[in-house]
Amino acid sequence: MRPLRIALFAPYDLARAGGVTTHIRAQARALRQLGHTVRIFGPASAPLDEGETALSRSVTVSFGGTESGLGLDPRSRSRVATLFKSEPFDIVHVHEPLVPLLPWFALRYAPSRIVATFHVHREHGHRWYPAVRPWLQSLIRRVDVRIAVSEAARRTVAAHFPGDYEIVPNAIDVDAFRAPRRRPPAIVAGTPHVLYVGRLEPRKGVDHVIRAMIDVQRDLPQARLIVVGDGPEREALVALARTTGAQVDFAGRVDDEELPAYVQASDVVCSPATGGESFGIVLLEAMACEKPIVASRIEGYETLVGDADCGTLVPAGDAHAIGAALVSLLGDGNLRRTFGAHGLQAARAYDWPVIARRLDAIYQRLLPE
């Protein structure tokens, strides 16, 4: 294996928590463990760690039910061009290359072999794709290998930019989620706990699982919902829990080191998103911890949960169906253990060392002998 210099370009604010950003940092760690030199570039709203460089200020925009910090500073064009003139890279790997503007500049100026990963899944893509498609197509043609994290993501992008795509899924560090952790104070032993992990924004459907807890508490009065994450819906969700009487603890943002403890200490992990999910890292994290899942029957979740037989799928947005599924799992330890065992077995195929070797094979084949 030839050691490589790899540049990873992030589309979203590196100083803010998010699934794609977490994925990129984990990818960098896994590739470094294979002996590669990896640097991360992206927009940022605060100072970054060593090995990460901000090339654009972050501008917060809202689309698809999500608030994101994007690299919309036009001055980043010259910064990217200067970077590639001054530093040699064997591979430039751009994540979400259709997100403006920084990824576009990376595609435009990269003199190296280019790999691009598409994470997004939307039933109709972005509404602005058609307006800029001819120009974006000229950039996408510069990509040597196109990767989609799931079949759902592939279909979304291929509908607008036809071509060949390889499916390389998201990954997690299975060992990190398997290592024993101290139980968080918010999760009391012997009390049934449902866990939600993610942004607090409309498309994530957290309001539905809060309403579902009313049904759960009729059968299991001590059951509690733990919400890990933050976002623009926090105040509204806190108010909803208060007015409905649902027993909900809002833990706020939890760093990567703390998160496995919350997953391990929970009884069921619930992902009630109503759409816009291409894969579902939280599902993999639950599977690695042998926790059963209740998730919406949406394309980004259905394949993973259904194929692994590691949980129950319910209609998106149906609080009563979510509640019934939670009651069933919380009341059946054998079923929880069965789903958990299936989940762990499936999760091992998504371990970062496995996925990093797949990425390395792609990189190596792009380079001259």
Protein backbone atom coordinates (compact mmCIF):
# COMPACT_ATOMS: atom_id res chain seq x y z
CA MET A 1 0.00 0.00 0.00
CA ARG A 2 1.35 3.40 -1.00
CA PRO A 3 1.11 6.17 1.66
CA LEU A 4 -0.89 9.09 0.31
CA ARG A 5 -1.41 12.78 1.00
CA ILE A 6 -5.18 13.23 1.15
CA ALA A 7 -7.26 16.41 1.38
CA LEU A 8 -10.79 16.01 2.74
CA PHE A 9 -13.17 18.87 1.98
CA ALA A 10 -16.12 19.39 4.31
CA PRO A 11 -19.23 21.26 3.12
CA TYR A 12 -20.50 22.27 6.55
CA ASP A 13 -19.18 24.30 9.48
CA LEU A 14 -16.43 22.24 11.09
CA ALA A 15 -17.02 23.98 14.42
CA ARG A 16 -20.63 22.75 14.64
CA ALA A 17 -21.84 19.24 15.37
CA GLY A 18 -23.31 17.34 12.44
CA GLY A 19 -23.43 13.91 10.86
CA VAL A 20 -21.34 14.67 7.78
CA THR A 21 -18.72 16.54 9.81
CA THR A 22 -18.47 13.65 12.28
CA HIS A 23 -18.13 11.25 9.36
CA ILE A 24 -15.28 13.25 7.81
CA ARG A 25 -13.31 13.43 11.05
CA ALA A 26 -13.74 9.70 11.63
CA GLN A 27 -12.68 9.02 8.04
CA ALA A 28 -9.53 11.07 8.60
CA ARG A 29 -8.66 9.09 11.75
CA ALA A 30 -9.21 5.76 10.02
CA LEU A 31 -7.11 6.75 6.99
CA ARG A 32 -4.29 7.98 9.23
CA GLN A 33 -4.28 4.59 10.93
CA LEU A 34 -3.57 3.11 7.49
CA GLY A 35 -0.48 5.33 7.21
CA HIS A 36 -1.86 8.19 5.12
CA THR A 37 -1.35 11.91 5.75
CA VAL A 38 -4.79 13.53 5.92
CA ARG A 39 -5.85 17.16 6.22
CA ILE A 40 -9.40 18.49 6.56
CA PHE A 41 -10.58 21.74 4.99
CA GLY A 42 -13.94 23.45 5.33
CA PRO A 43 -15.89 26.45 6.58
CA ALA A 44 -15.71 27.27 10.28
CA SER A 45 -17.20 29.69 12.79
CA ALA A 46 -14.60 29.03 15.51
CA PRO A 47 -10.97 27.89 15.86
CA LEU A 48 -10.30 24.32 14.75
CA ASP A 49 -8.13 21.45 15.93
CA GLU A 50 -4.74 20.58 14.51
CA GLY A 51 -5.02 19.04 11.06
CA GLU A 52 -8.10 21.11 10.20
CA THR A 53 -8.04 24.39 8.27
CA ALA A 54 -10.82 26.92 7.74
CA LEU A 55 -10.94 28.22 4.17
CA SER A 56 -14.22 30.11 4.52
CA ARG A 57 -16.30 31.74 7.18
CA SER A 58 -19.52 29.89 7.95
CA VAL A 59 -22.89 31.32 6.91
CA THR A 60 -26.02 29.76 8.43
CA VAL A 61 -28.73 28.88 5.93
CA SER A 62 -31.89 26.77 6.19
CA PHE A 63 -33.01 24.23 3.62
CA GLY A 64 -34.71 20.85 3.70
CA GLY A 65 -35.76 21.38 7.32
CA THR A 66 -32.15 21.72 8.44
CA GLU A 67 -30.00 24.67 9.47
CA SER A 68 -26.45 24.36 8.18
CA GLY A 69 -23.31 26.48 8.25
CA LEU A 70 -22.02 26.70 4.67
CA GLY A 71 -18.83 28.06 3.15
CA LEU A 72 -20.41 30.85 1.12
CA ASP A 73 -17.51 33.32 1.29
CA PRO A 74 -16.50 34.05 -2.34
CA ARG A 75 -12.98 34.87 -1.16
CA SER A 76 -12.48 31.18 -0.46
CA ARG A 77 -12.04 30.70 -4.22
CA SER A 78 -8.58 32.28 -4.11
CA ARG A 79 -7.72 30.45 -0.87
CA VAL A 80 -8.51 27.09 -2.45
CA ALA A 81 -6.56 27.93 -5.60
CA THR A 82 -3.57 29.03 -3.52
CA LEU A 83 -3.78 25.89 -1.38
CA PHE A 84 -3.52 23.59 -4.36
CA LYS A 85 -0.61 25.57 -5.81
CA SER A 86 1.34 25.42 -2.56
CA GLU A 87 0.56 21.93 -1.24
CA PRO A 88 0.65 18.68 -3.21
CA PHE A 89 -2.08 16.10 -2.62
CA ASP A 90 -2.45 12.67 -4.19
CA ILE A 91 -6.21 12.58 -3.58
CA VAL A 92 -8.77 15.32 -3.04
CA HIS A 93 -11.93 13.85 -1.50
CA VAL A 94 -14.88 16.25 -1.55
CA HIS A 95 -17.94 15.54 0.58
CA GLU A 96 -21.32 16.82 -0.63
CA PRO A 97 -19.85 18.38 -3.80
CA LEU A 98 -23.18 19.94 -4.78
CA VAL A 99 -23.29 22.14 -1.66
CA PRO A 100 -22.11 25.71 -2.33
CA LEU A 101 -19.56 27.23 -2.41
CA LEU A 102 -16.41 25.72 -0.94
CA PRO A 103 -16.87 22.21 -2.40
CA TRP A 104 -17.41 23.77 -5.83
CA PHE A 105 -14.09 25.58 -5.61
CA ALA A 106 -12.37 22.35 -4.54
CA LEU A 107 -13.72 20.61 -7.64
CA ARG A 108 -12.75 23.55 -9.84
CA TYR A 109 -9.13 23.89 -8.75
CA ALA A 110 -8.02 20.44 -7.56
CA PRO A 111 -5.09 19.30 -9.71
CA SER A 112 -5.15 15.82 -8.17
CA ARG A 113 -7.39 12.83 -8.57
CA ILE A 114 -10.83 13.67 -7.20
CA VAL A 115 -13.22 11.46 -5.23
CA ALA A 116 -16.64 12.83 -4.26
CA THR A 117 -19.08 11.46 -1.70
CA PHE A 118 -22.80 12.27 -1.89
CA HIS A 119 -24.62 11.98 1.43
CA VAL A 120 -27.90 13.73 0.71
CA HIS A 121 -31.26 12.08 0.15
CA ARG A 122 -34.28 14.15 -0.81
CA GLU A 123 -37.24 12.87 -2.71
CA HIS A 124 -36.96 15.74 -5.19
CA GLY A 125 -33.36 16.84 -4.72
CA HIS A 126 -32.61 20.51 -4.13
CA ARG A 127 -34.98 22.88 -5.86
CA TRP A 128 -32.05 24.88 -7.20
CA TYR A 129 -30.33 21.93 -8.97
CA PRO A 130 -31.99 22.60 -12.36
CA ALA A 131 -30.94 26.25 -12.36
CA VAL A 132 -27.24 25.50 -11.92
CA ARG A 133 -27.09 21.99 -13.37
CA PRO A 134 -25.09 22.86 -16.53
CA TRP A 135 -22.38 24.59 -14.53
CA LEU A 136 -22.35 21.92 -11.81
CA GLN A 137 -22.20 19.23 -14.45
CA SER A 138 -18.94 20.70 -15.71
CA LEU A 139 -17.54 20.39 -12.18
CA ILE A 140 -18.89 16.89 -11.58
CA ARG A 141 -17.22 15.73 -14.80
CA ARG A 142 -13.88 16.41 -13.08
CA VAL A 143 -14.67 13.75 -10.45
CA ASP A 144 -12.82 10.48 -11.00
CA VAL A 145 -14.95 8.37 -8.62
CA ARG A 146 -18.44 9.22 -7.38
CA ILE A 147 -19.49 7.63 -4.10
CA ALA A 148 -22.98 7.53 -2.58
CA VAL A 149 -23.47 6.49 1.03
CA SER A 150 -26.64 4.55 0.22
CA GLU A 151 -28.91 3.59 -2.64
CA ALA A 152 -31.27 6.37 -1.54
CA ALA A 153 -28.47 8.93 -1.84
CA ARG A 154 -27.42 7.50 -5.21
CA ARG A 155 -30.92 7.82 -6.63
CA THR A 156 -31.22 11.41 -5.42
CA VAL A 157 -28.07 12.62 -7.12
CA ALA A 158 -28.24 10.37 -10.21
CA ALA A 159 -31.66 11.79 -11.08
CA HIS A 160 -29.96 15.13 -11.71
CA PHE A 161 -26.40 14.05 -12.53
CA PRO A 162 -26.49 10.63 -14.23
CA GLY A 163 -23.38 8.49 -14.13
CA ASP A 164 -21.67 5.65 -12.33
CA TYR A 165 -21.71 5.70 -8.54
CA GLU A 166 -20.12 3.33 -6.05
CA ILE A 167 -21.97 2.64 -2.79
CA VAL A 168 -19.64 3.06 0.19
CA PRO A 169 -21.77 3.40 3.33
CA ASN A 170 -21.28 5.50 6.41
CA ALA A 171 -19.27 3.89 9.17
CA ILE A 172 -18.72 3.94 12.92
CA ASP A 173 -15.98 2.89 15.31
CA VAL A 174 -17.58 -0.27 16.67
CA ASP A 175 -14.94 -0.76 19.38
CA ALA A 176 -15.55 2.75 20.73
CA PHE A 177 -19.23 1.94 21.24
CA ARG A 178 -18.47 -1.50 22.69
CA ALA A 179 -16.03 -0.31 25.38
CA PRO A 180 -17.74 -0.25 28.82
CA ARG A 181 -18.78 3.24 29.95
CA ARG A 182 -20.06 4.72 33.19
CA ARG A 183 -23.83 5.17 33.22
CA PRO A 184 -24.83 8.85 32.79
CA PRO A 185 -26.55 10.29 35.90
CA ALA A 186 -29.67 11.09 33.84
CA ILE A 187 -30.27 7.38 33.13
CA VAL A 188 -31.33 5.58 36.31
CA ALA A 189 -30.77 1.83 36.43
CA GLY A 190 -33.99 -0.20 36.45
CA THR A 191 -36.07 2.52 34.80
CA PRO A 192 -37.12 2.00 31.14
CA HIS A 193 -35.35 4.53 28.94
CA VAL A 194 -35.89 5.46 25.30
CA LEU A 195 -33.05 7.38 23.66
CA TYR A 196 -33.17 9.91 20.83
CA VAL A 197 -29.90 11.25 19.42
CA GLY A 198 -29.77 13.99 16.80
CA ARG A 199 -30.49 17.56 15.85
CA LEU A 200 -33.65 19.16 17.22
CA GLU A 201 -35.24 20.32 13.98
CA PRO A 202 -38.59 19.66 12.30
CA ARG A 203 -37.64 16.85 9.91
CA LYS A 204 -36.16 14.79 12.76
CA GLY A 205 -39.66 14.15 14.15
CA VAL A 206 -38.76 14.51 17.83
CA ASP A 207 -42.23 15.88 18.55
CA HIS A 208 -43.70 12.53 17.46
CA VAL A 209 -41.67 10.48 19.93
CA ILE A 210 -42.51 12.96 22.71
CA ARG A 211 -46.22 12.44 21.98
CA ALA A 212 -45.60 8.69 21.76
CA MET A 213 -44.30 8.73 25.33
CA ILE A 214 -47.82 9.53 26.55
CA ASP A 215 -48.94 6.14 25.23
CA VAL A 216 -45.82 4.47 26.65
CA GLN A 217 -46.37 5.95 30.10
CA ARG A 218 -49.91 4.54 30.28
CA ASP A 219 -48.38 1.05 30.25
CA LEU A 220 -45.02 1.88 31.82
CA PRO A 221 -45.45 4.91 34.11
CA GLN A 222 -41.75 5.15 34.95
CA ALA A 223 -40.56 5.17 31.33
CA ARG A 224 -38.52 8.19 30.29
CA LEU A 225 -37.27 9.66 27.04
CA ILE A 226 -33.70 10.98 26.93
CA VAL A 227 -33.09 13.53 24.16
CA VAL A 228 -29.44 14.01 23.22
CA GLY A 229 -28.79 16.91 20.86
CA ASP A 230 -29.67 20.53 20.31
CA GLY A 231 -31.14 22.71 17.62
CA PRO A 232 -33.73 25.33 16.72
CA GLU A 233 -36.69 23.26 17.96
CA ARG A 234 -35.42 22.84 21.50
CA GLU A 235 -37.66 25.41 23.19
CA ALA A 236 -40.75 24.20 21.35
CA LEU A 237 -40.00 20.57 22.25
CA VAL A 238 -39.41 21.41 25.92
CA ALA A 239 -42.77 23.19 25.93
CA LEU A 240 -44.44 20.21 24.24
CA ALA A 241 -43.10 17.82 26.86
CA ARG A 242 -44.30 20.11 29.61
CA THR A 243 -47.83 20.54 28.23
CA THR A 244 -48.33 16.86 27.39
CA GLY A 245 -46.86 15.55 30.62
CA ALA A 246 -44.34 13.35 28.79
CA GLN A 247 -41.36 12.44 30.96
CA VAL A 248 -38.47 13.79 28.91
CA ASP A 249 -34.92 14.68 29.92
CA PHE A 250 -33.12 17.04 27.52
CA ALA A 251 -29.42 16.25 27.83
CA GLY A 252 -28.29 18.81 25.25
CA ARG A 253 -25.27 18.26 23.07
CA VAL A 254 -23.04 15.38 24.10
CA ASP A 255 -19.50 15.01 22.77
CA ASP A 256 -18.28 11.94 20.93
CA GLU A 257 -16.57 10.55 24.03
CA GLU A 258 -19.75 10.69 26.11
CA LEU A 259 -22.25 9.47 23.53
CA PRO A 260 -21.55 5.71 23.80
CA ALA A 261 -22.44 5.83 27.50
CA TYR A 262 -25.92 7.14 26.69
CA VAL A 263 -26.51 4.49 24.04
CA GLN A 264 -25.26 1.66 26.24
CA ALA A 265 -27.44 2.72 29.18
CA SER A 266 -30.66 3.02 27.16
CA ASP A 267 -33.17 0.26 26.48
CA VAL A 268 -34.42 1.30 23.04
CA VAL A 269 -33.11 3.84 20.52
CA CYS A 270 -35.76 5.75 18.57
CA SER A 271 -35.15 7.55 15.25
CA PRO A 272 -38.47 9.17 14.24
CA ALA A 273 -37.28 11.30 11.29
CA THR A 274 -39.94 12.08 8.69
CA GLY A 275 -37.58 12.24 5.70
CA GLY A 276 -34.33 13.59 4.31
CA GLU A 277 -32.20 10.77 5.77
CA SER A 278 -29.83 8.93 3.46
CA PHE A 279 -28.51 6.43 5.99
CA GLY A 280 -28.70 6.97 9.76
CA ILE A 281 -25.45 6.87 11.73
CA VAL A 282 -27.44 6.79 14.98
CA LEU A 283 -28.91 3.46 13.92
CA LEU A 284 -25.43 1.99 13.51
CA GLU A 285 -24.40 3.32 16.91
CA ALA A 286 -27.41 1.60 18.49
CA MET A 287 -26.62 -1.62 16.65
CA ALA A 288 -23.00 -1.57 17.86
CA CYS A 289 -24.31 -1.32 21.44
CA GLU A 290 -26.80 -4.17 20.86
CA LYS A 291 -29.77 -1.86 21.35
CA PRO A 292 -33.05 -2.45 19.51
CA ILE A 293 -34.36 0.31 17.28
CA VAL A 294 -37.71 1.91 16.60
CA ALA A 295 -37.39 3.94 13.41
CA SER A 296 -39.55 5.56 10.78
CA ARG A 297 -40.22 3.55 7.66
CA ILE A 298 -38.33 5.93 5.39
CA GLU A 299 -35.91 4.94 2.68
CA GLY A 300 -32.77 6.01 4.52
CA TYR A 301 -33.65 3.76 7.48
CA GLU A 302 -35.68 0.95 5.98
CA THR A 303 -32.89 -0.97 4.30
CA LEU A 304 -30.55 -0.89 7.28
CA VAL A 305 -33.07 -1.83 9.98
CA GLY A 306 -35.07 -4.23 7.82
CA ASP A 307 -32.10 -6.12 6.41
CA ALA A 308 -30.46 -6.45 9.82
CA ASP A 309 -33.73 -7.42 11.56
CA CYS A 310 -32.64 -5.27 14.49
CA GLY A 311 -35.78 -3.29 15.30
CA THR A 312 -39.27 -2.16 14.38
CA LEU A 313 -40.17 0.18 11.52
CA VAL A 314 -43.25 2.39 11.90
CA PRO A 315 -45.05 4.86 9.62
CA ALA A 316 -43.29 8.23 9.65
CA GLY A 317 -45.06 10.79 11.82
CA ASP A 318 -47.35 8.27 13.55
CA ALA A 319 -46.94 8.88 17.28
CA HIS A 320 -49.33 6.08 18.25
CA ALA A 321 -47.41 3.55 16.14
CA ILE A 322 -44.15 4.71 17.70
CA GLY A 323 -45.68 4.35 21.15
CA ALA A 324 -46.97 0.84 20.46
CA ALA A 325 -43.57 -0.28 19.14
CA LEU A 326 -41.80 1.17 22.18
CA VAL A 327 -44.20 -0.52 24.60
CA SER A 328 -43.70 -3.84 22.82
CA LEU A 329 -39.91 -3.64 23.05
CA LEU A 330 -39.68 -2.21 26.55
CA GLY A 331 -41.91 -5.03 27.78
CA ASP A 332 -40.04 -7.87 26.08
CA GLY A 333 -36.45 -8.40 27.16
CA ASN A 334 -35.98 -11.44 24.93
CA LEU A 335 -37.01 -9.49 21.83
CA ARG A 336 -34.68 -6.65 22.79
CA ARG A 337 -31.78 -9.07 23.13
CA THR A 338 -32.60 -10.79 19.83
CA PHE A 339 -32.76 -7.51 17.92
CA GLY A 340 -29.60 -6.35 19.69
CA ALA A 341 -27.63 -9.44 18.69
CA HIS A 342 -28.75 -9.10 15.07
CA GLY A 343 -27.78 -5.43 15.09
CA LEU A 344 -24.27 -6.03 16.39
CA GLN A 345 -23.64 -8.71 13.78
CA ALA A 346 -24.71 -6.34 11.01
CA ALA A 347 -22.83 -3.33 12.43
CA ARG A 348 -19.45 -5.03 12.08
CA ALA A 349 -19.66 -4.64 8.29
CA TYR A 350 -19.79 -0.86 8.84
CA ASP A 351 -16.75 -0.64 11.14
CA TRP A 352 -14.34 2.13 10.16
CA PRO A 353 -11.35 -0.16 9.53
CA VAL A 354 -13.50 -2.08 7.01
CA ILE A 355 -14.78 1.05 5.25
CA ALA A 356 -11.37 2.77 5.33
CA ARG A 357 -9.84 -0.16 3.46
CA ARG A 358 -12.55 0.15 0.82
CA LEU A 359 -11.78 3.85 0.41
CA ASP A 360 -8.05 3.15 0.28
CA ALA A 361 -8.60 0.63 -2.52
CA ILE A 362 -10.47 3.31 -4.49
CA TYR A 363 -7.67 5.83 -3.95
CA GLN A 364 -4.91 3.40 -4.88
CA ARG A 365 -6.49 2.38 -8.16
CA LEU A 366 -6.67 6.03 -9.25
CA LEU A 367 -2.93 6.53 -9.03
CA PRO A 368 -0.33 5.59 -11.65
CA GLU A 369 1.66 2.43 -11.05
